[in-house]
C-alpha cells in the first residue's frame, strides 16, 4: 500500500491506466448510453473531476490537458447527475486495496 505522501498516489495518468486495465461490466448498472461521447471517456472525466476535486469548468480544461478531449461543462454536469449513484462504486473499484500494486508499478 502506498503512503499518502508518495507522489504516485496523486498521479492521474497512473489512475487512468489502472481504470483502463480493469474490465468493468457497466451493463448491470443501468446507465443510459451517450449519443456523442464514449461512456469510458465520460467516466474518465468524472474520475479526474472527483479525484482532483475540480469544479465543472476546471474539469473541462483539465480534461483537454490530460485526455485531449473537449467535453463541455454542461454535458459533464448532465453525466455527473446521471452517474452520481455509480461513480463512487467505479472509484472504489479503481482505488480498491487490490489495485494498490497496480498503482505502484504503472
PDB file of N, CA and C in Angstrom:
ATOM      1  N   UNK A   1       0.851  -1.172   0.000  1.00  0.00           N
ATOM      2  CA  UNK A   1       0.000   0.000   0.000  1.00  0.00           C
ATOM      3  C   UNK A   1       0.899   1.238   0.000  1.00  0.00           C
ATOM      4  N   UNK A   2       0.545   2.205  -0.830  1.00  0.00           N
ATOM      5  CA  UNK A   2       1.326   3.435  -0.913  1.00  0.00           C
ATOM      6  C   UNK A   2       0.986   4.374   0.231  1.00  0.00           C
ATOM      7  N   UNK A   3       1.974   5.064   0.715  1.00  0.00           N
ATOM      8  CA  UNK A   3       1.751   6.062   1.766  1.00  0.00           C
ATOM      9  C   UNK A   3       1.139   7.310   1.150  1.00  0.00           C
ATOM     10  N   UNK A   4       0.443   8.096   1.925  1.00  0.00           N
ATOM     11  CA  UNK A   4      -0.252   9.259   1.385  1.00  0.00           C
ATOM     12  C   UNK A   4       0.698  10.332   0.877  1.00  0.00           C
ATOM     13  N   UNK A   5       1.953  10.334   1.333  1.00  0.00           N
ATOM     14  CA  UNK A   5       2.910  11.345   0.873  1.00  0.00           C
ATOM     15  C   UNK A   5       3.656  10.900  -0.384  1.00  0.00           C
ATOM     16  N   UNK A   6       3.403   9.677  -0.816  1.00  0.00           N
ATOM     17  CA  UNK A   6       4.026   9.197  -2.051  1.00  0.00           C
ATOM     18  C   UNK A   6       3.363   9.911  -3.238  1.00  0.00           C
ATOM     19  N   UNK A   7       4.155  10.511  -4.108  1.00  0.00           N
ATOM     20  CA  UNK A   7       3.594  11.305  -5.213  1.00  0.00           C
ATOM     21  C   UNK A   7       2.862  10.445  -6.237  1.00  0.00           C
ATOM     22  N   UNK A   8       3.127   9.147  -6.265  1.00  0.00           N
ATOM     23  CA  UNK A   8       2.415   8.271  -7.195  1.00  0.00           C
ATOM     24  C   UNK A   8       0.941   8.170  -6.869  1.00  0.00           C
ATOM     25  N   UNK A   9       0.559   8.465  -5.634  1.00  0.00           N
ATOM     26  CA  UNK A   9      -0.840   8.413  -5.235  1.00  0.00           C
ATOM     27  C   UNK A   9      -1.645   9.480  -5.963  1.00  0.00           C
ATOM     28  N   UNK A  10      -1.033  10.605  -6.283  1.00  0.00           N
ATOM     29  CA  UNK A  10      -1.742  11.739  -6.863  1.00  0.00           C
ATOM     30  C   UNK A  10      -1.541  11.850  -8.374  1.00  0.00           C
ATOM     31  N   UNK A  11      -0.966  10.846  -9.003  1.00  0.00           N
ATOM     32  CA  UNK A  11      -0.721  10.874 -10.437  1.00  0.00           C
ATOM     33  C   UNK A  11      -1.968  10.391 -11.172  1.00  0.00           C
ATOM     34  N   UNK A  12      -2.632  11.311 -11.863  1.00  0.00           N
ATOM     35  CA  UNK A  12      -3.894  10.974 -12.522  1.00  0.00           C
ATOM     36  C   UNK A  12      -3.669  10.046 -13.706  1.00  0.00           C
ATOM     37  N   UNK A  13      -2.535  10.156 -14.381  1.00  0.00           N
ATOM     38  CA  UNK A  13      -2.258   9.259 -15.506  1.00  0.00           C
ATOM     39  C   UNK A  13      -2.159   7.812 -15.044  1.00  0.00           C
ATOM     40  N   UNK A  14      -1.547   7.602 -13.904  1.00  0.00           N
ATOM     41  CA  UNK A  14      -1.433   6.275 -13.309  1.00  0.00           C
ATOM     42  C   UNK A  14      -2.818   5.716 -12.973  1.00  0.00           C
ATOM     43  N   UNK A  15      -3.657   6.568 -12.429  1.00  0.00           N
ATOM     44  CA  UNK A  15      -5.005   6.158 -12.056  1.00  0.00           C
ATOM     45  C   UNK A  15      -5.819   5.787 -13.291  1.00  0.00           C
ATOM     46  N   UNK A  16      -5.664   6.542 -14.369  1.00  0.00           N
ATOM     47  CA  UNK A  16      -6.397   6.237 -15.594  1.00  0.00           C
ATOM     48  C   UNK A  16      -5.883   4.961 -16.252  1.00  0.00           C
ATOM     49  N   UNK A  17      -4.599   4.667 -16.100  1.00  0.00           N
ATOM     50  CA  UNK A  17      -4.067   3.395 -16.607  1.00  0.00           C
ATOM     51  C   UNK A  17      -4.670   2.216 -15.850  1.00  0.00           C
ATOM     52  N   UNK A  18      -4.849   2.380 -14.545  1.00  0.00           N
ATOM     53  CA  UNK A  18      -5.485   1.325 -13.755  1.00  0.00           C
ATOM     54  C   UNK A  18      -6.930   1.152 -14.194  1.00  0.00           C
ATOM     55  N   UNK A  19      -7.624   2.270 -14.449  1.00  0.00           N
ATOM     56  CA  UNK A  19      -9.010   2.181 -14.928  1.00  0.00           C
ATOM     57  C   UNK A  19      -9.064   1.448 -16.270  1.00  0.00           C
ATOM     58  N   UNK A  20      -8.124   1.743 -17.165  1.00  0.00           N
ATOM     59  CA  UNK A  20      -8.096   1.076 -18.467  1.00  0.00           C
ATOM     60  C   UNK A  20      -7.812  -0.415 -18.334  1.00  0.00           C
ATOM     61  N   UNK A  21      -7.047  -0.794 -17.322  1.00  0.00           N
ATOM     62  CA  UNK A  21      -6.701  -2.203 -17.147  1.00  0.00           C
ATOM     63  C   UNK A  21      -7.857  -3.019 -16.550  1.00  0.00           C
ATOM     64  N   UNK A  22      -8.836  -2.345 -15.951  1.00  0.00           N
ATOM     65  CA  UNK A  22      -9.980  -3.043 -15.369  1.00  0.00           C
ATOM     66  C   UNK A  22     -10.966  -3.437 -16.454  1.00  0.00           C
ATOM     67  N   UNK A  23     -11.668  -4.494 -16.229  1.00  0.00           N
ATOM     68  CA  UNK A  23     -12.754  -4.866 -17.132  1.00  0.00           C
ATOM     69  C   UNK A  23     -14.067  -4.666 -16.370  1.00  0.00           C
ATOM     70  N   UNK A  24     -14.554  -3.447 -16.407  1.00  0.00           N
ATOM     71  CA  UNK A  24     -15.789  -3.120 -15.702  1.00  0.00           C
ATOM     72  C   UNK A  24     -16.984  -3.513 -16.555  1.00  0.00           C
ATOM     73  N   UNK A  25     -17.932  -4.170 -15.952  1.00  0.00           N
ATOM     74  CA  UNK A  25     -19.177  -4.507 -16.624  1.00  0.00           C
ATOM     75  C   UNK A  25     -20.196  -3.434 -16.256  1.00  0.00           C
ATOM     76  N   UNK A  26     -20.435  -2.523 -17.191  1.00  0.00           N
ATOM     77  CA  UNK A  26     -21.326  -1.404 -16.919  1.00  0.00           C
ATOM     78  C   UNK A  26     -22.780  -1.710 -17.245  1.00  0.00           C
ATOM     79  N   UNK A  27     -23.059  -2.845 -17.858  1.00  0.00           N
ATOM     80  CA  UNK A  27     -24.429  -3.176 -18.247  1.00  0.00           C
ATOM     81  C   UNK A  27     -25.383  -3.317 -17.062  1.00  0.00           C
ATOM     82  N   UNK A  28     -25.012  -4.016 -15.969  1.00  0.00           N
ATOM     83  CA  UNK A  28     -25.970  -4.136 -14.864  1.00  0.00           C
ATOM     84  C   UNK A  28     -26.184  -2.832 -14.096  1.00  0.00           C
ATOM     85  N   UNK A  29     -25.383  -1.817 -14.364  1.00  0.00           N
ATOM     86  CA  UNK A  29     -25.541  -0.543 -13.656  1.00  0.00           C
ATOM     87  C   UNK A  29     -26.683   0.298 -14.219  1.00  0.00           C
ATOM     88  N   UNK A  30     -27.275  -0.127 -15.327  1.00  0.00           N
ATOM     89  CA  UNK A  30     -28.412   0.580 -15.935  1.00  0.00           C
ATOM     90  C   UNK A  30     -28.072   2.040 -16.231  1.00  0.00           C
ATOM     91  N   UNK A  31     -26.978   2.229 -16.945  1.00  0.00           N
ATOM     92  CA  UNK A  31     -26.526   3.567 -17.324  1.00  0.00           C
ATOM     93  C   UNK A  31     -26.982   3.835 -18.749  1.00  0.00           C
ATOM     94  N   UNK A  32     -27.618   4.987 -19.006  1.00  0.00           N
ATOM     95  CA  UNK A  32     -28.015   5.284 -20.384  1.00  0.00           C
ATOM     96  C   UNK A  32     -26.793   5.471 -21.282  1.00  0.00           C
ATOM     97  N   UNK A  33     -26.925   5.149 -22.536  1.00  0.00           N
ATOM     98  CA  UNK A  33     -25.819   5.262 -23.480  1.00  0.00           C
ATOM     99  C   UNK A  33     -25.745   6.669 -24.049  1.00  0.00           C
ATOM    100  N   UNK A  34     -24.567   7.289 -24.003  1.00  0.00           N
ATOM    101  CA  UNK A  34     -24.424   8.639 -24.567  1.00  0.00           C
ATOM    102  C   UNK A  34     -24.497   8.602 -26.093  1.00  0.00           C
ATOM    103  N   UNK A  35     -24.947   9.728 -26.669  1.00  0.00           N
ATOM    104  CA  UNK A  35     -25.100   9.796 -28.124  1.00  0.00           C
ATOM    105  C   UNK A  35     -23.807  10.206 -28.811  1.00  0.00           C
ATOM    106  N   UNK A  36     -23.068  11.143 -28.229  1.00  0.00           N
ATOM    107  CA  UNK A  36     -21.917  11.716 -28.914  1.00  0.00           C
ATOM    108  C   UNK A  36     -20.571  11.288 -28.348  1.00  0.00           C
ATOM    109  N   UNK A  37     -20.521  10.944 -27.088  1.00  0.00           N
ATOM    110  CA  UNK A  37     -19.254  10.629 -26.434  1.00  0.00           C
ATOM    111  C   UNK A  37     -19.234   9.174 -26.014  1.00  0.00           C
ATOM    112  N   UNK A  38     -18.047   8.626 -25.916  1.00  0.00           N
ATOM    113  CA  UNK A  38     -17.870   7.277 -25.421  1.00  0.00           C
ATOM    114  C   UNK A  38     -18.054   7.286 -23.898  1.00  0.00           C
ATOM    115  N   UNK A  39     -18.733   6.291 -23.373  1.00  0.00           N
ATOM    116  CA  UNK A  39     -19.001   6.230 -21.939  1.00  0.00           C
ATOM    117  C   UNK A  39     -17.712   6.140 -21.130  1.00  0.00           C
ATOM    118  N   UNK A  40     -16.699   5.459 -21.654  1.00  0.00           N
ATOM    119  CA  UNK A  40     -15.418   5.377 -20.942  1.00  0.00           C
ATOM    120  C   UNK A  40     -14.769   6.749 -20.808  1.00  0.00           C
ATOM    121  N   UNK A  41     -14.881   7.582 -21.831  1.00  0.00           N
ATOM    122  CA  UNK A  41     -14.321   8.941 -21.760  1.00  0.00           C
ATOM    123  C   UNK A  41     -15.056   9.754 -20.710  1.00  0.00           C
ATOM    124  N   UNK A  42     -16.362   9.635 -20.668  1.00  0.00           N
ATOM    125  CA  UNK A  42     -17.152  10.376 -19.677  1.00  0.00           C
ATOM    126  C   UNK A  42     -16.785   9.927 -18.269  1.00  0.00           C
ATOM    127  N   UNK A  43     -16.626   8.637 -18.060  1.00  0.00           N
ATOM    128  CA  UNK A  43     -16.254   8.134 -16.735  1.00  0.00           C
ATOM    129  C   UNK A  43     -14.856   8.601 -16.364  1.00  0.00           C
ATOM    130  N   UNK A  44     -13.928   8.611 -17.326  1.00  0.00           N
ATOM    131  CA  UNK A  44     -12.581   9.108 -17.046  1.00  0.00           C
ATOM    132  C   UNK A  44     -12.608  10.579 -16.648  1.00  0.00           C
ATOM    133  N   UNK A  45     -13.428  11.363 -17.321  1.00  0.00           N
ATOM    134  CA  UNK A  45     -13.541  12.784 -16.971  1.00  0.00           C
ATOM    135  C   UNK A  45     -14.092  12.942 -15.560  1.00  0.00           C
ATOM    136  N   UNK A  46     -15.095  12.148 -15.208  1.00  0.00           N
ATOM    137  CA  UNK A  46     -15.657  12.226 -13.860  1.00  0.00           C
ATOM    138  C   UNK A  46     -14.669  11.723 -12.810  1.00  0.00           C
ATOM    139  N   UNK A  47     -13.837  10.757 -13.169  1.00  0.00           N
ATOM    140  CA  UNK A  47     -12.786  10.311 -12.247  1.00  0.00           C
ATOM    141  C   UNK A  47     -11.796  11.435 -12.011  1.00  0.00           C
ATOM    142  N   UNK A  48     -11.393  12.124 -13.078  1.00  0.00           N
ATOM    143  CA  UNK A  48     -10.467  13.256 -12.942  1.00  0.00           C
ATOM    144  C   UNK A  48     -11.081  14.332 -12.068  1.00  0.00           C
ATOM    145  N   UNK A  49     -12.355  14.661 -12.334  1.00  0.00           N
ATOM    146  CA  UNK A  49     -13.032  15.716 -11.568  1.00  0.00           C
ATOM    147  C   UNK A  49     -13.144  15.339 -10.095  1.00  0.00           C
ATOM    148  N   UNK A  50     -13.550  14.120  -9.821  1.00  0.00           N
ATOM    149  CA  UNK A  50     -13.742  13.692  -8.440  1.00  0.00           C
ATOM    150  C   UNK A  50     -12.413  13.532  -7.713  1.00  0.00           C
ATOM    151  N   UNK A  51     -11.450  12.906  -8.364  1.00  0.00           N
ATOM    152  CA  UNK A  51     -10.169  12.618  -7.733  1.00  0.00           C
ATOM    153  C   UNK A  51      -9.394  13.894  -7.421  1.00  0.00           C
ATOM    154  N   UNK A  52      -9.434  14.873  -8.335  1.00  0.00           N
ATOM    155  CA  UNK A  52      -8.693  16.111  -8.123  1.00  0.00           C
ATOM    156  C   UNK A  52      -9.531  17.200  -7.457  1.00  0.00           C
ATOM    157  N   UNK A  53     -10.820  16.956  -7.234  1.00  0.00           N
ATOM    158  CA  UNK A  53     -11.679  17.916  -6.548  1.00  0.00           C
ATOM    159  C   UNK A  53     -11.887  19.203  -7.335  1.00  0.00           C
ATOM    160  N   UNK A  54     -12.149  19.066  -8.626  1.00  0.00           N
ATOM    161  CA  UNK A  54     -12.257  20.228  -9.508  1.00  0.00           C
ATOM    162  C   UNK A  54     -13.706  20.653  -9.690  1.00  0.00           C
ATOM    163  N   UNK A  55     -13.868  21.911 -10.088  1.00  0.00           N
ATOM    164  CA  UNK A  55     -15.194  22.382 -10.487  1.00  0.00           C
ATOM    165  C   UNK A  55     -15.467  21.890 -11.903  1.00  0.00           C
ATOM    166  N   UNK A  56     -16.677  22.115 -12.404  1.00  0.00           N
ATOM    167  CA  UNK A  56     -17.027  21.648 -13.741  1.00  0.00           C
ATOM    168  C   UNK A  56     -16.165  22.312 -14.811  1.00  0.00           C
ATOM    169  N   UNK A  57     -15.980  23.613 -14.715  1.00  0.00           N
ATOM    170  CA  UNK A  57     -15.181  24.325 -15.717  1.00  0.00           C
ATOM    171  C   UNK A  57     -13.698  23.948 -15.622  1.00  0.00           C
ATOM    172  N   UNK A  58     -13.209  23.766 -14.421  1.00  0.00           N
ATOM    173  CA  UNK A  58     -11.813  23.337 -14.264  1.00  0.00           C
ATOM    174  C   UNK A  58     -11.615  21.918 -14.797  1.00  0.00           C
ATOM    175  N   UNK A  59     -12.599  21.067 -14.569  1.00  0.00           N
ATOM    176  CA  UNK A  59     -12.522  19.701 -15.090  1.00  0.00           C
ATOM    177  C   UNK A  59     -12.557  19.698 -16.612  1.00  0.00           C
ATOM    178  N   UNK A  60     -13.295  20.631 -17.187  1.00  0.00           N
ATOM    179  CA  UNK A  60     -13.336  20.758 -18.647  1.00  0.00           C
ATOM    180  C   UNK A  60     -11.946  21.069 -19.196  1.00  0.00           C
ATOM    181  N   UNK A  61     -11.250  21.993 -18.565  1.00  0.00           N
ATOM    182  CA  UNK A  61      -9.901  22.354 -19.005  1.00  0.00           C
ATOM    183  C   UNK A  61      -8.896  21.249 -18.714  1.00  0.00           C
ATOM    184  N   UNK A  62      -9.007  20.625 -17.554  1.00  0.00           N
ATOM    185  CA  UNK A  62      -8.074  19.555 -17.182  1.00  0.00           C
ATOM    186  C   UNK A  62      -8.231  18.350 -18.118  1.00  0.00           C
ATOM    187  N   UNK A  63      -9.457  18.092 -18.564  1.00  0.00           N
ATOM    188  CA  UNK A  63      -9.709  17.006 -19.492  1.00  0.00           C
ATOM    189  C   UNK A  63      -9.039  17.265 -20.836  1.00  0.00           C
ATOM    190  N   UNK A  64      -9.049  18.520 -21.261  1.00  0.00           N
ATOM    191  CA  UNK A  64      -8.364  18.867 -22.506  1.00  0.00           C
ATOM    192  C   UNK A  64      -6.866  18.620 -22.370  1.00  0.00           C
ATOM    193  N   UNK A  65      -6.302  18.885 -21.192  1.00  0.00           N
ATOM    194  CA  UNK A  65      -4.869  18.665 -20.973  1.00  0.00           C
ATOM    195  C   UNK A  65      -4.522  17.180 -20.909  1.00  0.00           C
ATOM    196  N   UNK A  66      -5.311  16.405 -20.168  1.00  0.00           N
ATOM    197  CA  UNK A  66      -4.963  15.010 -19.895  1.00  0.00           C
ATOM    198  C   UNK A  66      -5.407  14.070 -21.015  1.00  0.00           C
ATOM    199  N   UNK A  67      -6.657  14.196 -21.444  1.00  0.00           N
ATOM    200  CA  UNK A  67      -7.225  13.251 -22.407  1.00  0.00           C
ATOM    201  C   UNK A  67      -7.273  13.776 -23.836  1.00  0.00           C
ATOM    202  N   UNK A  68      -6.991  15.069 -24.019  1.00  0.00           N
ATOM    203  CA  UNK A  68      -7.075  15.706 -25.347  1.00  0.00           C
ATOM    204  C   UNK A  68      -8.480  15.566 -25.931  1.00  0.00           C
ATOM    205  N   UNK A  69      -9.487  15.695 -25.075  1.00  0.00           N
ATOM    206  CA  UNK A  69     -10.891  15.604 -25.468  1.00  0.00           C
ATOM    207  C   UNK A  69     -11.596  16.852 -24.974  1.00  0.00           C
ATOM    208  N   UNK A  70     -12.423  17.445 -25.828  1.00  0.00           N
ATOM    209  CA  UNK A  70     -13.210  18.602 -25.423  1.00  0.00           C
ATOM    210  C   UNK A  70     -14.594  18.119 -25.011  1.00  0.00           C
ATOM    211  N   UNK A  71     -14.909  18.290 -23.752  1.00  0.00           N
ATOM    212  CA  UNK A  71     -16.206  17.899 -23.206  1.00  0.00           C
ATOM    213  C   UNK A  71     -16.750  19.109 -22.464  1.00  0.00           C
ATOM    214  N   UNK A  72     -17.840  19.673 -22.950  1.00  0.00           N
ATOM    215  CA  UNK A  72     -18.406  20.882 -22.365  1.00  0.00           C
ATOM    216  C   UNK A  72     -18.846  20.649 -20.922  1.00  0.00           C
ATOM    217  N   UNK A  73     -18.747  21.701 -20.113  1.00  0.00           N
ATOM    218  CA  UNK A  73     -19.097  21.551 -18.699  1.00  0.00           C
ATOM    219  C   UNK A  73     -20.584  21.253 -18.502  1.00  0.00           C
ATOM    220  N   UNK A  74     -21.445  21.690 -19.424  1.00  0.00           N
ATOM    221  CA  UNK A  74     -22.867  21.374 -19.309  1.00  0.00           C
ATOM    222  C   UNK A  74     -23.108  19.880 -19.532  1.00  0.00           C
ATOM    223  N   UNK A  75     -22.410  19.301 -20.490  1.00  0.00           N
ATOM    224  CA  UNK A  75     -22.503  17.855 -20.737  1.00  0.00           C
ATOM    225  C   UNK A  75     -21.955  17.099 -19.532  1.00  0.00           C
ATOM    226  N   UNK A  76     -20.857  17.593 -19.005  1.00  0.00           N
ATOM    227  CA  UNK A  76     -20.254  16.977 -17.829  1.00  0.00           C
ATOM    228  C   UNK A  76     -21.211  17.017 -16.635  1.00  0.00           C
ATOM    229  N   UNK A  77     -21.912  18.128 -16.469  1.00  0.00           N
ATOM    230  CA  UNK A  77     -22.885  18.246 -15.377  1.00  0.00           C
ATOM    231  C   UNK A  77     -24.022  17.233 -15.545  1.00  0.00           C
ATOM    232  N   UNK A  78     -24.515  17.099 -16.780  1.00  0.00           N
ATOM    233  CA  UNK A  78     -25.585  16.131 -17.043  1.00  0.00           C
ATOM    234  C   UNK A  78     -25.139  14.722 -16.673  1.00  0.00           C
ATOM    235  N   UNK A  79     -23.934  14.318 -17.107  1.00  0.00           N
ATOM    236  CA  UNK A  79     -23.466  12.963 -16.840  1.00  0.00           C
ATOM    237  C   UNK A  79     -23.063  12.778 -15.392  1.00  0.00           C
ATOM    238  N   UNK A  80     -22.674  13.849 -14.736  1.00  0.00           N
ATOM    239  CA  UNK A  80     -22.385  13.751 -13.306  1.00  0.00           C
ATOM    240  C   UNK A  80     -23.660  13.417 -12.535  1.00  0.00           C
ATOM    241  N   UNK A  81     -24.776  14.020 -12.934  1.00  0.00           N
ATOM    242  CA  UNK A  81     -26.056  13.703 -12.295  1.00  0.00           C
ATOM    243  C   UNK A  81     -26.511  12.292 -12.644  1.00  0.00           C
ATOM    244  N   UNK A  82     -26.338  11.891 -13.906  1.00  0.00           N
ATOM    245  CA  UNK A  82     -26.770  10.557 -14.339  1.00  0.00           C
ATOM    246  C   UNK A  82     -25.969   9.447 -13.657  1.00  0.00           C
ATOM    247  N   UNK A  83     -24.675   9.678 -13.461  1.00  0.00           N
ATOM    248  CA  UNK A  83     -23.795   8.655 -12.909  1.00  0.00           C
ATOM    249  C   UNK A  83     -23.508   8.839 -11.421  1.00  0.00           C
ATOM    250  N   UNK A  84     -24.246   9.716 -10.760  1.00  0.00           N
ATOM    251  CA  UNK A  84     -23.946  10.019  -9.357  1.00  0.00           C
ATOM    252  C   UNK A  84     -24.014   8.777  -8.463  1.00  0.00           C
ATOM    253  N   UNK A  85     -24.905   7.860  -8.767  1.00  0.00           N
ATOM    254  CA  UNK A  85     -25.024   6.647  -7.946  1.00  0.00           C
ATOM    255  C   UNK A  85     -23.912   5.646  -8.234  1.00  0.00           C
ATOM    256  N   UNK A  86     -23.294   5.740  -9.409  1.00  0.00           N
ATOM    257  CA  UNK A  86     -22.351   4.719  -9.844  1.00  0.00           C
ATOM    258  C   UNK A  86     -20.893   5.157  -9.776  1.00  0.00           C
ATOM    259  N   UNK A  87     -20.623   6.454  -9.760  1.00  0.00           N
ATOM    260  CA  UNK A  87     -19.230   6.911  -9.834  1.00  0.00           C
ATOM    261  C   UNK A  87     -18.447   6.506  -8.587  1.00  0.00           C
ATOM    262  N   UNK A  88     -19.102   6.474  -7.435  1.00  0.00           N
ATOM    263  CA  UNK A  88     -18.421   6.055  -6.207  1.00  0.00           C
ATOM    264  C   UNK A  88     -18.037   4.576  -6.284  1.00  0.00           C
ATOM    265  N   UNK A  89     -18.927   3.772  -6.831  1.00  0.00           N
ATOM    266  CA  UNK A  89     -18.634   2.344  -6.986  1.00  0.00           C
ATOM    267  C   UNK A  89     -17.471   2.134  -7.958  1.00  0.00           C
ATOM    268  N   UNK A  90     -17.451   2.899  -9.032  1.00  0.00           N
ATOM    269  CA  UNK A  90     -16.368   2.790 -10.008  1.00  0.00           C
ATOM    270  C   UNK A  90     -15.046   3.227  -9.386  1.00  0.00           C
ATOM    271  N   UNK A  91     -15.066   4.337  -8.638  1.00  0.00           N
ATOM    272  CA  UNK A  91     -13.845   4.806  -7.973  1.00  0.00           C
ATOM    273  C   UNK A  91     -13.353   3.794  -6.945  1.00  0.00           C
ATOM    274  N   UNK A  92     -14.265   3.157  -6.224  1.00  0.00           N
ATOM    275  CA  UNK A  92     -13.859   2.142  -5.250  1.00  0.00           C
ATOM    276  C   UNK A  92     -13.202   0.946  -5.935  1.00  0.00           C
ATOM    277  N   UNK A  93     -13.682   0.615  -7.125  1.00  0.00           N
ATOM    278  CA  UNK A  93     -13.048  -0.479  -7.868  1.00  0.00           C
ATOM    279  C   UNK A  93     -11.648  -0.082  -8.334  1.00  0.00           C
ATOM    280  N   UNK A  94     -11.501   1.169  -8.762  1.00  0.00           N
ATOM    281  CA  UNK A  94     -10.207   1.633  -9.252  1.00  0.00           C
ATOM    282  C   UNK A  94      -9.221   1.805  -8.105  1.00  0.00           C
ATOM    283  N   UNK A  95      -9.685   2.353  -6.988  1.00  0.00           N
ATOM    284  CA  UNK A  95      -8.804   2.660  -5.866  1.00  0.00           C
ATOM    285  C   UNK A  95      -8.794   1.592  -4.789  1.00  0.00           C
ATOM    286  N   UNK A  96      -9.467   0.478  -5.027  1.00  0.00           N
ATOM    287  CA  UNK A  96      -9.563  -0.575  -4.014  1.00  0.00           C
ATOM    288  C   UNK A  96      -8.207  -1.114  -3.601  1.00  0.00           C
ATOM    289  N   UNK A  97      -8.129  -1.788  -2.465  1.00  0.00           N
ATOM    290  CA  UNK A  97      -6.862  -2.299  -1.950  1.00  0.00           C
ATOM    291  C   UNK A  97      -6.200  -3.299  -2.888  1.00  0.00           C
ATOM    292  N   UNK A  98      -6.981  -3.999  -3.696  1.00  0.00           N
ATOM    293  CA  UNK A  98      -6.375  -4.950  -4.620  1.00  0.00           C
ATOM    294  C   UNK A  98      -5.693  -4.243  -5.787  1.00  0.00           C
ATOM    295  N   UNK A  99      -5.957  -2.946  -5.974  1.00  0.00           N
ATOM    296  CA  UNK A  99      -5.351  -2.176  -7.060  1.00  0.00           C
ATOM    297  C   UNK A  99      -4.080  -1.454  -6.638  1.00  0.00           C
ATOM    298  N   UNK A 100      -3.734  -1.500  -5.373  1.00  0.00           N
ATOM    299  CA  UNK A 100      -2.538  -0.799  -4.886  1.00  0.00           C
ATOM    300  C   UNK A 100      -1.260  -1.249  -5.597  1.00  0.00           C
ATOM    301  N   UNK A 101      -1.072  -2.547  -5.837  1.00  0.00           N
ATOM    302  CA  UNK A 101       0.144  -2.932  -6.584  1.00  0.00           C
ATOM    303  C   UNK A 101       0.160  -2.395  -8.006  1.00  0.00           C
ATOM    304  N   UNK A 102      -1.010  -2.280  -8.636  1.00  0.00           N
ATOM    305  CA  UNK A 102      -1.061  -1.717  -9.985  1.00  0.00           C
ATOM    306  C   UNK A 102      -0.667  -0.252  -9.985  1.00  0.00           C
ATOM    307  N   UNK A 103      -1.118   0.484  -8.981  1.00  0.00           N
ATOM    308  CA  UNK A 103      -0.758   1.894  -8.881  1.00  0.00           C
ATOM    309  C   UNK A 103       0.736   2.052  -8.618  1.00  0.00           C
ATOM    310  N   UNK A 104       1.310   1.121  -7.899  1.00  0.00           N
ATOM    311  CA  UNK A 104       2.729   1.218  -7.550  1.00  0.00           C
ATOM    312  C   UNK A 104       3.635   0.910  -8.737  1.00  0.00           C
ATOM    313  N   UNK A 105       3.182   0.067  -9.650  1.00  0.00           N
ATOM    314  CA  UNK A 105       4.065  -0.399 -10.717  1.00  0.00           C
ATOM    315  C   UNK A 105       3.734   0.159 -12.090  1.00  0.00           C
ATOM    316  N   UNK A 106       2.819   1.078 -12.198  1.00  0.00           N
ATOM    317  CA  UNK A 106       2.485   1.654 -13.509  1.00  0.00           C
ATOM    318  C   UNK A 106       3.605   2.558 -14.003  1.00  0.00           C
TER     319      UNK A 106
END
